[in-house]
Amino acid sequence: MTNKRDIIFYKQYFPKFFAEQPNSVKEKIAYVFKVVRTVEKVPEKFLKHLTDTDGLYEIRIDVKSNAYRIFCCFDKGKLIVLFNAFQKKTQKTDKRELKKALKLKDEYFKSKK
């Protein structure tokens, strides 16, 4: 199975979040990453574009009754850059986490210049 996309981390926000999760969540994240990397058209269940965010997406992880979100964006079409992640506590996306993701996305693209 060849990769359609590659995934990288910007800074240590996601790796730190990942290290703190129980094994069941880590396993589900690994599974969803495999889907995101290898499937031609990723179902919105796993990867969703966030409207009004200038290219920000969320990788969606659901384990039992818990929902986790990983903010990311595309770079050069096939590269997915991961930013911060969090466990959802309500139906709405946490505004502080969203602002942080937008800030990290801006930092990432500025650092490339």
PDB file of N, CA and C in Angstrom:
ATOM      1  N   MET A   1       0.846  -1.183   0.000  1.00  0.00           N
ATOM      2  CA  MET A   1       0.000   0.000   0.000  1.00  0.00           C
ATOM      3  C   MET A   1       0.893   1.248   0.000  1.00  0.00           C
ATOM      4  N   THR A   2       0.768   2.063  -1.001  1.00  0.00           N
ATOM      5  CA  THR A   2       1.613   3.250  -1.085  1.00  0.00           C
ATOM      6  C   THR A   2       0.932   4.443  -0.431  1.00  0.00           C
ATOM      7  N   ASN A   3       1.759   5.320   0.083  1.00  0.00           N
ATOM      8  CA  ASN A   3       1.232   6.529   0.721  1.00  0.00           C
ATOM      9  C   ASN A   3       0.777   7.526  -0.332  1.00  0.00           C
ATOM     10  N   LYS A   4      -0.403   8.054  -0.124  1.00  0.00           N
ATOM     11  CA  LYS A   4      -0.919   9.150  -0.953  1.00  0.00           C
ATOM     12  C   LYS A   4      -0.510  10.487  -0.331  1.00  0.00           C
ATOM     13  N   ARG A   5      -0.294  10.454   0.990  1.00  0.00           N
ATOM     14  CA  ARG A   5       0.068  11.651   1.746  1.00  0.00           C
ATOM     15  C   ARG A   5       1.097  11.292   2.811  1.00  0.00           C
ATOM     16  N   ASP A   6       1.865  12.287   3.221  1.00  0.00           N
ATOM     17  CA  ASP A   6       2.788  12.143   4.349  1.00  0.00           C
ATOM     18  C   ASP A   6       2.313  13.044   5.476  1.00  0.00           C
ATOM     19  N   ILE A   7       2.651  12.656   6.699  1.00  0.00           N
ATOM     20  CA  ILE A   7       2.255  13.430   7.876  1.00  0.00           C
ATOM     21  C   ILE A   7       3.515  13.832   8.641  1.00  0.00           C
ATOM     22  N   ILE A   8       3.606  15.124   8.976  1.00  0.00           N
ATOM     23  CA  ILE A   8       4.698  15.612   9.824  1.00  0.00           C
ATOM     24  C   ILE A   8       4.095  16.403  10.984  1.00  0.00           C
ATOM     25  N   PHE A   9       4.896  16.632  12.009  1.00  0.00           N
ATOM     26  CA  PHE A   9       4.453  17.401  13.176  1.00  0.00           C
ATOM     27  C   PHE A   9       5.159  18.747  13.163  1.00  0.00           C
ATOM     28  N   TYR A  10       4.415  19.807  13.452  1.00  0.00           N
ATOM     29  CA  TYR A  10       5.027  21.119  13.636  1.00  0.00           C
ATOM     30  C   TYR A  10       5.202  21.324  15.130  1.00  0.00           C
ATOM     31  N   LYS A  11       6.425  21.491  15.545  1.00  0.00           N
ATOM     32  CA  LYS A  11       6.797  21.623  16.960  1.00  0.00           C
ATOM     33  C   LYS A  11       6.375  20.366  17.724  1.00  0.00           C
ATOM     34  N   GLN A  12       6.225  20.461  19.021  1.00  0.00           N
ATOM     35  CA  GLN A  12       5.979  19.272  19.836  1.00  0.00           C
ATOM     36  C   GLN A  12       4.566  19.179  20.410  1.00  0.00           C
ATOM     37  N   TYR A  13       3.641  19.971  19.891  1.00  0.00           N
ATOM     38  CA  TYR A  13       2.289  19.967  20.454  1.00  0.00           C
ATOM     39  C   TYR A  13       1.603  18.608  20.307  1.00  0.00           C
ATOM     40  N   PHE A  14       1.607  18.070  19.089  1.00  0.00           N
ATOM     41  CA  PHE A  14       0.945  16.780  18.917  1.00  0.00           C
ATOM     42  C   PHE A  14       1.702  15.632  19.588  1.00  0.00           C
ATOM     43  N   PRO A  15       3.023  15.499  19.420  1.00  0.00           N
ATOM     44  CA  PRO A  15       3.715  14.388  20.095  1.00  0.00           C
ATOM     45  C   PRO A  15       3.511  14.392  21.616  1.00  0.00           C
ATOM     46  N   LYS A  16       3.470  15.570  22.224  1.00  0.00           N
ATOM     47  CA  LYS A  16       3.235  15.662  23.667  1.00  0.00           C
ATOM     48  C   LYS A  16       1.831  15.162  23.998  1.00  0.00           C
ATOM     49  N   PHE A  17       0.837  15.589  23.238  1.00  0.00           N
ATOM     50  CA  PHE A  17      -0.539  15.136  23.432  1.00  0.00           C
ATOM     51  C   PHE A  17      -0.615  13.616  23.277  1.00  0.00           C
ATOM     52  N   PHE A  18      -0.004  13.094  22.226  1.00  0.00           N
ATOM     53  CA  PHE A  18      -0.048  11.665  21.931  1.00  0.00           C
ATOM     54  C   PHE A  18       0.549  10.846  23.081  1.00  0.00           C
ATOM     55  N   ALA A  19       1.674  11.300  23.612  1.00  0.00           N
ATOM     56  CA  ALA A  19       2.353  10.572  24.692  1.00  0.00           C
ATOM     57  C   ALA A  19       1.487  10.460  25.943  1.00  0.00           C
ATOM     58  N   GLU A  20       0.583  11.403  26.145  1.00  0.00           N
ATOM     59  CA  GLU A  20      -0.261  11.419  27.347  1.00  0.00           C
ATOM     60  C   GLU A  20      -1.517  10.566  27.219  1.00  0.00           C
ATOM     61  N   GLN A  21      -1.776   9.999  26.043  1.00  0.00           N
ATOM     62  CA  GLN A  21      -3.020   9.267  25.812  1.00  0.00           C
ATOM     63  C   GLN A  21      -2.898   7.789  26.190  1.00  0.00           C
ATOM     64  N   PRO A  22      -4.031   7.172  26.590  1.00  0.00           N
ATOM     65  CA  PRO A  22      -4.017   5.726  26.860  1.00  0.00           C
ATOM     66  C   PRO A  22      -3.800   4.948  25.556  1.00  0.00           C
ATOM     67  N   ASN A  23      -3.413   3.691  25.679  1.00  0.00           N
ATOM     68  CA  ASN A  23      -3.109   2.875  24.501  1.00  0.00           C
ATOM     69  C   ASN A  23      -4.274   2.770  23.524  1.00  0.00           C
ATOM     70  N   SER A  24      -5.495   2.701  24.022  1.00  0.00           N
ATOM     71  CA  SER A  24      -6.650   2.583  23.117  1.00  0.00           C
ATOM     72  C   SER A  24      -6.761   3.798  22.197  1.00  0.00           C
ATOM     73  N   VAL A  25      -6.463   4.967  22.723  1.00  0.00           N
ATOM     74  CA  VAL A  25      -6.511   6.191  21.912  1.00  0.00           C
ATOM     75  C   VAL A  25      -5.325   6.219  20.942  1.00  0.00           C
ATOM     76  N   LYS A  26      -4.147   5.846  21.412  1.00  0.00           N
ATOM     77  CA  LYS A  26      -2.968   5.800  20.529  1.00  0.00           C
ATOM     78  C   LYS A  26      -3.200   4.857  19.350  1.00  0.00           C
ATOM     79  N   GLU A  27      -3.807   3.701  19.623  1.00  0.00           N
ATOM     80  CA  GLU A  27      -4.076   2.738  18.558  1.00  0.00           C
ATOM     81  C   GLU A  27      -5.057   3.297  17.536  1.00  0.00           C
ATOM     82  N   LYS A  28      -6.082   3.983  17.999  1.00  0.00           N
ATOM     83  CA  LYS A  28      -7.070   4.561  17.079  1.00  0.00           C
ATOM     84  C   LYS A  28      -6.435   5.692  16.266  1.00  0.00           C
ATOM     85  N   ILE A  29      -5.603   6.506  16.900  1.00  0.00           N
ATOM     86  CA  ILE A  29      -4.899   7.568  16.168  1.00  0.00           C
ATOM     87  C   ILE A  29      -4.026   6.950  15.077  1.00  0.00           C
ATOM     88  N   ALA A  30      -3.296   5.893  15.408  1.00  0.00           N
ATOM     89  CA  ALA A  30      -2.444   5.223  14.416  1.00  0.00           C
ATOM     90  C   ALA A  30      -3.277   4.687  13.247  1.00  0.00           C
ATOM     91  N   TYR A  31      -4.436   4.112  13.558  1.00  0.00           N
ATOM     92  CA  TYR A  31      -5.321   3.602  12.511  1.00  0.00           C
ATOM     93  C   TYR A  31      -5.802   4.737  11.599  1.00  0.00           C
ATOM     94  N   VAL A  32      -6.259   5.834  12.203  1.00  0.00           N
ATOM     95  CA  VAL A  32      -6.767   6.963  11.408  1.00  0.00           C
ATOM     96  C   VAL A  32      -5.639   7.567  10.569  1.00  0.00           C
ATOM     97  N   PHE A  33      -4.431   7.669  11.127  1.00  0.00           N
ATOM     98  CA  PHE A  33      -3.295   8.171  10.347  1.00  0.00           C
ATOM     99  C   PHE A  33      -3.042   7.275   9.128  1.00  0.00           C
ATOM    100  N   LYS A  34      -3.158   5.963   9.313  1.00  0.00           N
ATOM    101  CA  LYS A  34      -2.964   5.045   8.191  1.00  0.00           C
ATOM    102  C   LYS A  34      -4.010   5.303   7.107  1.00  0.00           C
ATOM    103  N   VAL A  35      -5.258   5.506   7.502  1.00  0.00           N
ATOM    104  CA  VAL A  35      -6.320   5.820   6.534  1.00  0.00           C
ATOM    105  C   VAL A  35      -5.999   7.128   5.811  1.00  0.00           C
ATOM    106  N   VAL A  36      -5.634   8.145   6.564  1.00  0.00           N
ATOM    107  CA  VAL A  36      -5.341   9.461   5.983  1.00  0.00           C
ATOM    108  C   VAL A  36      -4.156   9.374   5.010  1.00  0.00           C
ATOM    109  N   ARG A  37      -3.167   8.567   5.348  1.00  0.00           N
ATOM    110  CA  ARG A  37      -1.985   8.436   4.485  1.00  0.00           C
ATOM    111  C   ARG A  37      -2.274   7.657   3.202  1.00  0.00           C
ATOM    112  N   THR A  38      -3.136   6.644   3.266  1.00  0.00           N
ATOM    113  CA  THR A  38      -3.206   5.690   2.166  1.00  0.00           C
ATOM    114  C   THR A  38      -4.470   5.723   1.315  1.00  0.00           C
ATOM    115  N   VAL A  39      -5.560   6.247   1.822  1.00  0.00           N
ATOM    116  CA  VAL A  39      -6.817   6.227   1.074  1.00  0.00           C
ATOM    117  C   VAL A  39      -6.874   7.425   0.127  1.00  0.00           C
ATOM    118  N   GLU A  40      -7.283   7.178  -1.098  1.00  0.00           N
ATOM    119  CA  GLU A  40      -7.346   8.249  -2.101  1.00  0.00           C
ATOM    120  C   GLU A  40      -8.271   9.387  -1.653  1.00  0.00           C
ATOM    121  N   LYS A  41      -9.507   9.048  -1.321  1.00  0.00           N
ATOM    122  CA  LYS A  41     -10.467  10.058  -0.852  1.00  0.00           C
ATOM    123  C   LYS A  41     -10.800   9.737   0.603  1.00  0.00           C
ATOM    124  N   VAL A  42     -10.248  10.528   1.521  1.00  0.00           N
ATOM    125  CA  VAL A  42     -10.426  10.275   2.956  1.00  0.00           C
ATOM    126  C   VAL A  42     -11.845  10.669   3.368  1.00  0.00           C
ATOM    127  N   PRO A  43     -12.580   9.766   4.017  1.00  0.00           N
ATOM    128  CA  PRO A  43     -13.930  10.109   4.467  1.00  0.00           C
ATOM    129  C   PRO A  43     -13.912  11.267   5.468  1.00  0.00           C
ATOM    130  N   GLU A  44     -14.944  12.103   5.407  1.00  0.00           N
ATOM    131  CA  GLU A  44     -15.050  13.243   6.322  1.00  0.00           C
ATOM    132  C   GLU A  44     -15.113  12.777   7.778  1.00  0.00           C
ATOM    133  N   LYS A  45     -15.485  11.556   7.992  1.00  0.00           N
ATOM    134  CA  LYS A  45     -15.494  10.978   9.346  1.00  0.00           C
ATOM    135  C   LYS A  45     -14.103  11.067   9.982  1.00  0.00           C
ATOM    136  N   PHE A  46     -13.052  11.038   9.150  1.00  0.00           N
ATOM    137  CA  PHE A  46     -11.675  11.063   9.646  1.00  0.00           C
ATOM    138  C   PHE A  46     -10.944  12.379   9.408  1.00  0.00           C
ATOM    139  N   LEU A  47     -11.285  13.090   8.346  1.00  0.00           N
ATOM    140  CA  LEU A  47     -10.583  14.330   7.999  1.00  0.00           C
ATOM    141  C   LEU A  47     -11.598  15.319   7.466  1.00  0.00           C
ATOM    142  N   LYS A  48     -11.739  16.441   8.159  1.00  0.00           N
ATOM    143  CA  LYS A  48     -12.761  17.421   7.781  1.00  0.00           C
ATOM    144  C   LYS A  48     -12.150  18.807   7.633  1.00  0.00           C
ATOM    145  N   HIS A  49     -12.500  19.473   6.536  1.00  0.00           N
ATOM    146  CA  HIS A  49     -12.086  20.865   6.336  1.00  0.00           C
ATOM    147  C   HIS A  49     -12.940  21.753   7.226  1.00  0.00           C
ATOM    148  N   LEU A  50     -12.311  22.662   7.925  1.00  0.00           N
ATOM    149  CA  LEU A  50     -13.035  23.596   8.785  1.00  0.00           C
ATOM    150  C   LEU A  50     -13.303  24.866   7.993  1.00  0.00           C
ATOM    151  N   THR A  51     -14.568  25.218   7.851  1.00  0.00           N
ATOM    152  CA  THR A  51     -14.917  26.397   7.072  1.00  0.00           C
ATOM    153  C   THR A  51     -14.465  27.665   7.799  1.00  0.00           C
ATOM    154  N   ASP A  52     -14.192  28.686   7.033  1.00  0.00           N
ATOM    155  CA  ASP A  52     -13.767  29.998   7.557  1.00  0.00           C
ATOM    156  C   ASP A  52     -12.460  29.936   8.341  1.00  0.00           C
ATOM    157  N   THR A  53     -11.564  29.013   7.991  1.00  0.00           N
ATOM    158  CA  THR A  53     -10.297  28.909   8.718  1.00  0.00           C
ATOM    159  C   THR A  53      -9.092  28.959   7.788  1.00  0.00           C
ATOM    160  N   ASP A  54      -9.290  29.310   6.533  1.00  0.00           N
ATOM    161  CA  ASP A  54      -8.190  29.474   5.592  1.00  0.00           C
ATOM    162  C   ASP A  54      -7.304  28.226   5.511  1.00  0.00           C
ATOM    163  N   GLY A  55      -7.924  27.095   5.210  1.00  0.00           N
ATOM    164  CA  GLY A  55      -7.143  25.885   4.953  1.00  0.00           C
ATOM    165  C   GLY A  55      -6.879  24.993   6.145  1.00  0.00           C
ATOM    166  N   LEU A  56      -7.521  25.229   7.264  1.00  0.00           N
ATOM    167  CA  LEU A  56      -7.320  24.386   8.436  1.00  0.00           C
ATOM    168  C   LEU A  56      -8.266  23.185   8.372  1.00  0.00           C
ATOM    169  N   TYR A  57      -7.751  22.029   8.748  1.00  0.00           N
ATOM    170  CA  TYR A  57      -8.528  20.787   8.791  1.00  0.00           C
ATOM    171  C   TYR A  57      -8.451  20.229  10.198  1.00  0.00           C
ATOM    172  N   GLU A  58      -9.328  19.246  10.465  1.00  0.00           N
ATOM    173  CA  GLU A  58      -9.202  18.504  11.713  1.00  0.00           C
ATOM    174  C   GLU A  58      -9.247  17.023  11.395  1.00  0.00           C
ATOM    175  N   ILE A  59      -8.329  16.303  12.013  1.00  0.00           N
ATOM    176  CA  ILE A  59      -8.364  14.842  11.976  1.00  0.00           C
ATOM    177  C   ILE A  59      -9.221  14.443  13.156  1.00  0.00           C
ATOM    178  N   ARG A  60     -10.193  13.576  12.880  1.00  0.00           N
ATOM    179  CA  ARG A  60     -11.207  13.247  13.879  1.00  0.00           C
ATOM    180  C   ARG A  60     -11.003  11.824  14.385  1.00  0.00           C
ATOM    181  N   ILE A  61     -10.876  11.705  15.695  1.00  0.00           N
ATOM    182  CA  ILE A  61     -10.671  10.417  16.346  1.00  0.00           C
ATOM    183  C   ILE A  61     -11.811  10.223  17.342  1.00  0.00           C
ATOM    184  N   ASP A  62     -12.513   9.121  17.232  1.00  0.00           N
ATOM    185  CA  ASP A  62     -13.564   8.794  18.195  1.00  0.00           C
ATOM    186  C   ASP A  62     -13.244   7.441  18.816  1.00  0.00           C
ATOM    187  N   VAL A  63     -13.140   7.426  20.138  1.00  0.00           N
ATOM    188  CA  VAL A  63     -12.887   6.192  20.884  1.00  0.00           C
ATOM    189  C   VAL A  63     -13.971   6.084  21.949  1.00  0.00           C
ATOM    190  N   LYS A  64     -14.827   5.084  21.766  1.00  0.00           N
ATOM    191  CA  LYS A  64     -15.988   4.911  22.636  1.00  0.00           C
ATOM    192  C   LYS A  64     -16.790   6.213  22.638  1.00  0.00           C
ATOM    193  N   SER A  65     -17.006   6.812  23.782  1.00  0.00           N
ATOM    194  CA  SER A  65     -17.796   8.051  23.807  1.00  0.00           C
ATOM    195  C   SER A  65     -16.912   9.301  23.848  1.00  0.00           C
ATOM    196  N   ASN A  66     -15.627   9.137  23.626  1.00  0.00           N
ATOM    197  CA  ASN A  66     -14.695  10.270  23.654  1.00  0.00           C
ATOM    198  C   ASN A  66     -14.318  10.695  22.235  1.00  0.00           C
ATOM    199  N   ALA A  67     -14.260  12.011  22.030  1.00  0.00           N
ATOM    200  CA  ALA A  67     -13.883  12.570  20.730  1.00  0.00           C
ATOM    201  C   ALA A  67     -12.588  13.366  20.890  1.00  0.00           C
ATOM    202  N   TYR A  68     -11.675  13.145  19.955  1.00  0.00           N
ATOM    203  CA  TYR A  68     -10.385  13.839  19.942  1.00  0.00           C
ATOM    204  C   TYR A  68     -10.239  14.513  18.592  1.00  0.00           C
ATOM    205  N   ARG A  69      -9.599  15.678  18.591  1.00  0.00           N
ATOM    206  CA  ARG A  69      -9.382  16.406  17.352  1.00  0.00           C
ATOM    207  C   ARG A  69      -7.919  16.819  17.256  1.00  0.00           C
ATOM    208  N   ILE A  70      -7.386  16.685  16.033  1.00  0.00           N
ATOM    209  CA  ILE A  70      -6.013  17.096  15.743  1.00  0.00           C
ATOM    210  C   ILE A  70      -6.092  18.106  14.607  1.00  0.00           C
ATOM    211  N   PHE A  71      -5.676  19.325  14.865  1.00  0.00           N
ATOM    212  CA  PHE A  71      -5.696  20.350  13.823  1.00  0.00           C
ATOM    213  C   PHE A  71      -4.507  20.157  12.895  1.00  0.00           C
ATOM    214  N   CYS A  72      -4.741  20.408  11.610  1.00  0.00           N
ATOM    215  CA  CYS A  72      -3.689  20.218  10.622  1.00  0.00           C
ATOM    216  C   CYS A  72      -3.991  21.060   9.385  1.00  0.00           C
ATOM    217  N   CYS A  73      -3.032  21.080   8.467  1.00  0.00           N
ATOM    218  CA  CYS A  73      -3.246  21.717   7.165  1.00  0.00           C
ATOM    219  C   CYS A  73      -2.428  20.957   6.132  1.00  0.00           C
ATOM    220  N   PHE A  74      -2.685  21.253   4.879  1.00  0.00           N
ATOM    221  CA  PHE A  74      -1.914  20.661   3.796  1.00  0.00           C
ATOM    222  C   PHE A  74      -0.823  21.635   3.370  1.00  0.00           C
ATOM    223  N   ASP A  75       0.313  21.075   3.002  1.00  0.00           N
ATOM    224  CA  ASP A  75       1.411  21.857   2.443  1.00  0.00           C
ATOM    225  C   ASP A  75       1.886  21.102   1.198  1.00  0.00           C
ATOM    226  N   LYS A  76       2.019  21.779   0.099  1.00  0.00           N
ATOM    227  CA  LYS A  76       2.449  21.180  -1.163  1.00  0.00           C
ATOM    228  C   LYS A  76       1.552  20.019  -1.576  1.00  0.00           C
ATOM    229  N   GLY A  77       0.281  20.098  -1.252  1.00  0.00           N
ATOM    230  CA  GLY A  77      -0.691  19.130  -1.735  1.00  0.00           C
ATOM    231  C   GLY A  77      -0.730  17.793  -1.029  1.00  0.00           C
ATOM    232  N   LYS A  78       0.414  17.141  -0.844  1.00  0.00           N
ATOM    233  CA  LYS A  78       0.441  15.775  -0.304  1.00  0.00           C
ATOM    234  C   LYS A  78       1.035  15.690   1.095  1.00  0.00           C
ATOM    235  N   LEU A  79       1.404  16.814   1.669  1.00  0.00           N
ATOM    236  CA  LEU A  79       2.014  16.830   2.999  1.00  0.00           C
ATOM    237  C   LEU A  79       1.013  17.391   4.002  1.00  0.00           C
ATOM    238  N   ILE A  80       0.738  16.629   5.061  1.00  0.00           N
ATOM    239  CA  ILE A  80      -0.158  17.088   6.114  1.00  0.00           C
ATOM    240  C   ILE A  80       0.695  17.475   7.314  1.00  0.00           C
ATOM    241  N   VAL A  81       0.512  18.699   7.789  1.00  0.00           N
ATOM    242  CA  VAL A  81       1.261  19.221   8.923  1.00  0.00           C
ATOM    243  C   VAL A  81       0.338  19.248  10.137  1.00  0.00           C
ATOM    244  N   LEU A  82       0.723  18.514  11.192  1.00  0.00           N
ATOM    245  CA  LEU A  82      -0.089  18.455  12.404  1.00  0.00           C
ATOM    246  C   LEU A  82       0.306  19.562  13.365  1.00  0.00           C
ATOM    247  N   PHE A  83      -0.697  20.156  13.992  1.00  0.00           N
ATOM    248  CA  PHE A  83      -0.463  21.196  14.982  1.00  0.00           C
ATOM    249  C   PHE A  83      -0.881  20.674  16.352  1.00  0.00           C
ATOM    250  N   ASN A  84      -1.798  21.324  17.018  1.00  0.00           N
ATOM    251  CA  ASN A  84      -2.236  20.927  18.357  1.00  0.00           C
ATOM    252  C   ASN A  84      -3.384  19.931  18.292  1.00  0.00           C
ATOM    253  N   ALA A  85      -3.616  19.266  19.414  1.00  0.00           N
ATOM    254  CA  ALA A  85      -4.693  18.279  19.525  1.00  0.00           C
ATOM    255  C   ALA A  85      -5.346  18.434  20.889  1.00  0.00           C
ATOM    256  N   PHE A  86      -6.588  17.965  20.991  1.00  0.00           N
ATOM    257  CA  PHE A  86      -7.294  18.066  22.268  1.00  0.00           C
ATOM    258  C   PHE A  86      -8.433  17.069  22.301  1.00  0.00           C
ATOM    259  N   GLN A  87      -8.933  16.811  23.495  1.00  0.00           N
ATOM    260  CA  GLN A  87     -10.120  15.986  23.657  1.00  0.00           C
ATOM    261  C   GLN A  87     -11.325  16.909  23.708  1.00  0.00           C
ATOM    262  N   LYS A  88     -12.322  16.622  22.877  1.00  0.00           N
ATOM    263  CA  LYS A  88     -13.533  17.452  22.844  1.00  0.00           C
ATOM    264  C   LYS A  88     -14.382  17.146  24.070  1.00  0.00           C
ATOM    265  N   LYS A  89     -14.850  18.208  24.703  1.00  0.00           N
ATOM    266  CA  LYS A  89     -15.715  18.057  25.877  1.00  0.00           C
ATOM    267  C   LYS A  89     -17.162  18.437  25.563  1.00  0.00           C
ATOM    268  N   THR A  90     -17.342  19.204  24.461  1.00  0.00           N
ATOM    269  CA  THR A  90     -18.680  19.661  24.086  1.00  0.00           C
ATOM    270  C   THR A  90     -18.865  19.451  22.581  1.00  0.00           C
ATOM    271  N   GLN A  91     -20.046  19.771  22.089  1.00  0.00           N
ATOM    272  CA  GLN A  91     -20.335  19.648  20.657  1.00  0.00           C
ATOM    273  C   GLN A  91     -19.515  20.634  19.828  1.00  0.00           C
ATOM    274  N   LYS A  92     -19.270  21.814  20.392  1.00  0.00           N
ATOM    275  CA  LYS A  92     -18.535  22.854  19.661  1.00  0.00           C
ATOM    276  C   LYS A  92     -17.028  22.653  19.799  1.00  0.00           C
ATOM    277  N   THR A  93     -16.296  23.102  18.773  1.00  0.00           N
ATOM    278  CA  THR A  93     -14.839  23.068  18.819  1.00  0.00           C
ATOM    279  C   THR A  93     -14.350  24.152  19.772  1.00  0.00           C
ATOM    280  N   ASP A  94     -13.412  23.805  20.626  1.00  0.00           N
ATOM    281  CA  ASP A  94     -12.841  24.733  21.603  1.00  0.00           C
ATOM    282  C   ASP A  94     -12.180  25.908  20.884  1.00  0.00           C
ATOM    283  N   LYS A  95     -12.691  27.117  21.137  1.00  0.00           N
ATOM    284  CA  LYS A  95     -12.191  28.315  20.437  1.00  0.00           C
ATOM    285  C   LYS A  95     -10.721  28.594  20.740  1.00  0.00           C
ATOM    286  N   ARG A  96     -10.286  28.337  21.975  1.00  0.00           N
ATOM    287  CA  ARG A  96      -8.864  28.567  22.309  1.00  0.00           C
ATOM    288  C   ARG A  96      -7.963  27.637  21.502  1.00  0.00           C
ATOM    289  N   GLU A  97      -8.373  26.379  21.368  1.00  0.00           N
ATOM    290  CA  GLU A  97      -7.585  25.416  20.588  1.00  0.00           C
ATOM    291  C   GLU A  97      -7.570  25.788  19.112  1.00  0.00           C
ATOM    292  N   LEU A  98      -8.699  26.274  18.614  1.00  0.00           N
ATOM    293  CA  LEU A  98      -8.779  26.701  17.222  1.00  0.00           C
ATOM    294  C   LEU A  98      -7.864  27.897  16.972  1.00  0.00           C
ATOM    295  N   LYS A  99      -7.885  28.878  17.877  1.00  0.00           N
ATOM    296  CA  LYS A  99      -6.999  30.049  17.737  1.00  0.00           C
ATOM    297  C   LYS A  99      -5.536  29.628  17.772  1.00  0.00           C
ATOM    298  N   LYS A 100      -5.203  28.699  18.669  1.00  0.00           N
ATOM    299  CA  LYS A 100      -3.831  28.202  18.759  1.00  0.00           C
ATOM    300  C   LYS A 100      -3.423  27.543  17.442  1.00  0.00           C
ATOM    301  N   ALA A 101      -4.314  26.737  16.872  1.00  0.00           N
ATOM    302  CA  ALA A 101      -4.011  26.055  15.608  1.00  0.00           C
ATOM    303  C   ALA A 101      -3.778  27.057  14.483  1.00  0.00           C
ATOM    304  N   LEU A 102      -4.601  28.079  14.411  1.00  0.00           N
ATOM    305  CA  LEU A 102      -4.426  29.099  13.373  1.00  0.00           C
ATOM    306  C   LEU A 102      -3.099  29.834  13.544  1.00  0.00           C
ATOM    307  N   LYS A 103      -2.743  30.113  14.791  1.00  0.00           N
ATOM    308  CA  LYS A 103      -1.465  30.774  15.071  1.00  0.00           C
ATOM    309  C   LYS A 103      -0.288  29.871  14.663  1.00  0.00           C
ATOM    310  N   LEU A 104      -0.373  28.593  14.998  1.00  0.00           N
ATOM    311  CA  LEU A 104       0.694  27.650  14.645  1.00  0.00           C
ATOM    312  C   LEU A 104       0.805  27.482  13.131  1.00  0.00           C
ATOM    313  N   LYS A 105      -0.328  27.471  12.439  1.00  0.00           N
ATOM    314  CA  LYS A 105      -0.311  27.368  10.980  1.00  0.00           C
ATOM    315  C   LYS A 105       0.410  28.573  10.372  1.00  0.00           C
ATOM    316  N   ASP A 106       0.092  29.774  10.871  1.00  0.00           N
ATOM    317  CA  ASP A 106       0.771  30.980  10.387  1.00  0.00           C
ATOM    318  C   ASP A 106       2.271  30.908  10.666  1.00  0.00           C
ATOM    319  N   GLU A 107       2.631  30.479  11.869  1.00  0.00           N
ATOM    320  CA  GLU A 107       4.061  30.348  12.234  1.00  0.00           C
ATOM    321  C   GLU A 107       4.764  29.377  11.287  1.00  0.00           C
ATOM    322  N   TYR A 108       4.114  28.252  11.032  1.00  0.00           N
ATOM    323  CA  TYR A 108       4.698  27.223  10.166  1.00  0.00           C
ATOM    324  C   TYR A 108       5.025  27.786   8.784  1.00  0.00           C
ATOM    325  N   PHE A 109       4.064  28.460   8.159  1.00  0.00           N
ATOM    326  CA  PHE A 109       4.294  28.976   6.816  1.00  0.00           C
ATOM    327  C   PHE A 109       5.276  30.139   6.812  1.00  0.00           C
ATOM    328  N   LYS A 110       5.296  30.949   7.861  1.00  0.00           N
ATOM    329  CA  LYS A 110       6.281  32.034   7.953  1.00  0.00           C
ATOM    330  C   LYS A 110       7.690  31.463   8.124  1.00  0.00           C
ATOM    331  N   SER A 111       7.819  30.376   8.866  1.00  0.00           N
ATOM    332  CA  SER A 111       9.140  29.780   9.108  1.00  0.00           C
ATOM    333  C   SER A 111       9.724  29.167   7.833  1.00  0.00           C
ATOM    334  N   LYS A 112       8.884  28.886   6.856  1.00  0.00           N
ATOM    335  CA  LYS A 112       9.348  28.299   5.597  1.00  0.00           C
ATOM    336  C   LYS A 112       9.922  29.322   4.630  1.00  0.00           C
ATOM    337  N   LYS A 113       9.660  30.594   4.884  1.00  0.00           N
ATOM    338  CA  LYS A 113      10.114  31.639   3.961  1.00  0.00           C
ATOM    339  C   LYS A 113      11.569  31.968   4.174  1.00  0.00           C
TER     340      LYS A 113
END
